[in-house]
Amino acid sequence: MLKMDYDRALYYTHRSEWDNLLILMVRTKDHFLAKKIEHFLHAYNFEKDYRVIEKHLYSLLRYIEHANGIIDQEMGYGSMYETMY
């Protein structure tokens, strides 16, 4: 299930588990997620400008949030913000 991939990507990113994030990048069926992870890991390892690393990190996190939101809508859960207010 893809939702588990997004949860794992978020967890590995939060915990700075780059090896596990790399493994997830290879195993996931979501090509957009794999590409976002690839760009972030490449920037993290080779980029000297922190703004570029930050840009790729935020891009990855935004995609994870977007994909989780779509899955939640398809499953009829609604967003976290809808249930709070």
Protein backbone atom coordinates (compact mmCIF):
# COMPACT_ATOMS: atom_id res chain seq x y z
CA MET A 1 0.00 0.00 0.00
CA LEU A 2 1.34 3.41 -0.91
CA LYS A 3 0.12 5.11 2.28
CA MET A 4 2.65 3.06 4.21
CA ASP A 5 5.39 4.31 1.85
CA TYR A 6 4.47 7.92 2.60
CA ASP A 7 4.40 7.28 6.33
CA ARG A 8 7.78 5.57 6.15
CA ALA A 9 9.25 8.39 4.06
CA LEU A 10 8.07 10.92 6.62
CA TYR A 11 9.41 8.84 9.52
CA TYR A 12 12.80 8.19 7.90
CA THR A 13 13.17 11.86 7.00
CA HIS A 14 12.25 12.96 10.52
CA ARG A 15 14.71 10.49 12.06
CA SER A 16 17.46 11.20 9.47
CA GLU A 17 17.57 7.54 8.49
CA TRP A 18 19.00 8.15 5.03
CA ASP A 19 19.86 4.49 4.35
CA ASN A 20 16.27 3.42 4.96
CA LEU A 21 15.02 6.35 2.88
CA LEU A 22 17.25 5.19 0.03
CA ILE A 23 15.87 1.64 0.29
CA LEU A 24 12.34 3.04 0.24
CA MET A 25 13.21 5.08 -2.84
CA VAL A 26 14.17 1.90 -4.68
CA ARG A 27 11.21 -0.20 -3.49
CA THR A 28 8.28 2.21 -3.78
CA LYS A 29 5.89 1.95 -6.70
CA ASP A 30 5.27 5.73 -6.62
CA HIS A 31 7.73 7.15 -9.13
CA PHE A 32 7.10 10.74 -8.01
CA LEU A 33 7.96 9.83 -4.41
CA ALA A 34 11.09 8.03 -5.58
CA LYS A 35 12.17 11.07 -7.60
CA LYS A 36 11.53 13.47 -4.69
CA ILE A 37 13.58 11.25 -2.38
CA GLU A 38 16.35 11.00 -4.98
CA HIS A 39 16.56 14.79 -5.39
CA PHE A 40 16.62 15.35 -1.64
CA LEU A 41 19.28 12.71 -0.93
CA HIS A 42 21.45 13.98 -3.77
CA ALA A 43 21.22 17.54 -2.50
CA TYR A 44 21.85 16.44 1.09
CA ASN A 45 25.01 14.56 0.12
CA PHE A 46 26.49 16.83 -2.53
CA GLU A 47 25.08 20.34 -2.27
CA LYS A 48 26.96 23.00 -0.33
CA ASP A 49 24.17 25.55 -0.36
CA TYR A 50 21.77 24.82 2.49
CA ARG A 51 18.94 26.63 0.70
CA VAL A 52 19.00 24.02 -2.06
CA ILE A 53 18.89 21.18 0.48
CA GLU A 54 16.03 22.91 2.27
CA LYS A 55 14.15 23.39 -1.01
CA HIS A 56 14.34 19.68 -1.83
CA LEU A 57 13.42 18.68 1.72
CA TYR A 58 10.33 20.88 1.69
CA SER A 59 9.41 19.63 -1.77
CA LEU A 60 9.55 16.04 -0.49
CA LEU A 61 7.50 16.87 2.60
CA ARG A 62 4.89 18.77 0.58
CA TYR A 63 4.52 15.82 -1.78
CA ILE A 64 4.10 13.39 1.12
CA GLU A 65 1.42 15.64 2.63
CA HIS A 66 -0.34 15.99 -0.73
CA ALA A 67 -0.29 12.24 -1.43
CA ASN A 68 -1.54 11.39 2.06
CA GLY A 69 -4.35 13.92 1.63
CA ILE A 70 -5.44 12.32 -1.64
CA ILE A 71 -5.42 8.84 -0.11
CA ASP A 72 -7.43 10.09 2.88
CA GLN A 73 -10.02 11.66 0.56
CA GLU A 74 -10.31 8.45 -1.45
CA MET A 75 -10.82 6.47 1.75
CA GLY A 76 -13.36 9.01 3.02
CA TYR A 77 -11.39 10.18 6.05
CA GLY A 78 -11.23 13.87 5.19
CA SER A 79 -8.29 15.99 6.22
CA MET A 80 -7.00 16.47 9.72
CA TYR A 81 -8.02 20.12 9.59
CA GLU A 82 -11.62 19.31 8.67
CA THR A 83 -12.04 17.13 11.76
CA MET A 84 -10.44 19.69 14.06
CA TYR A 85 -12.71 22.62 13.16
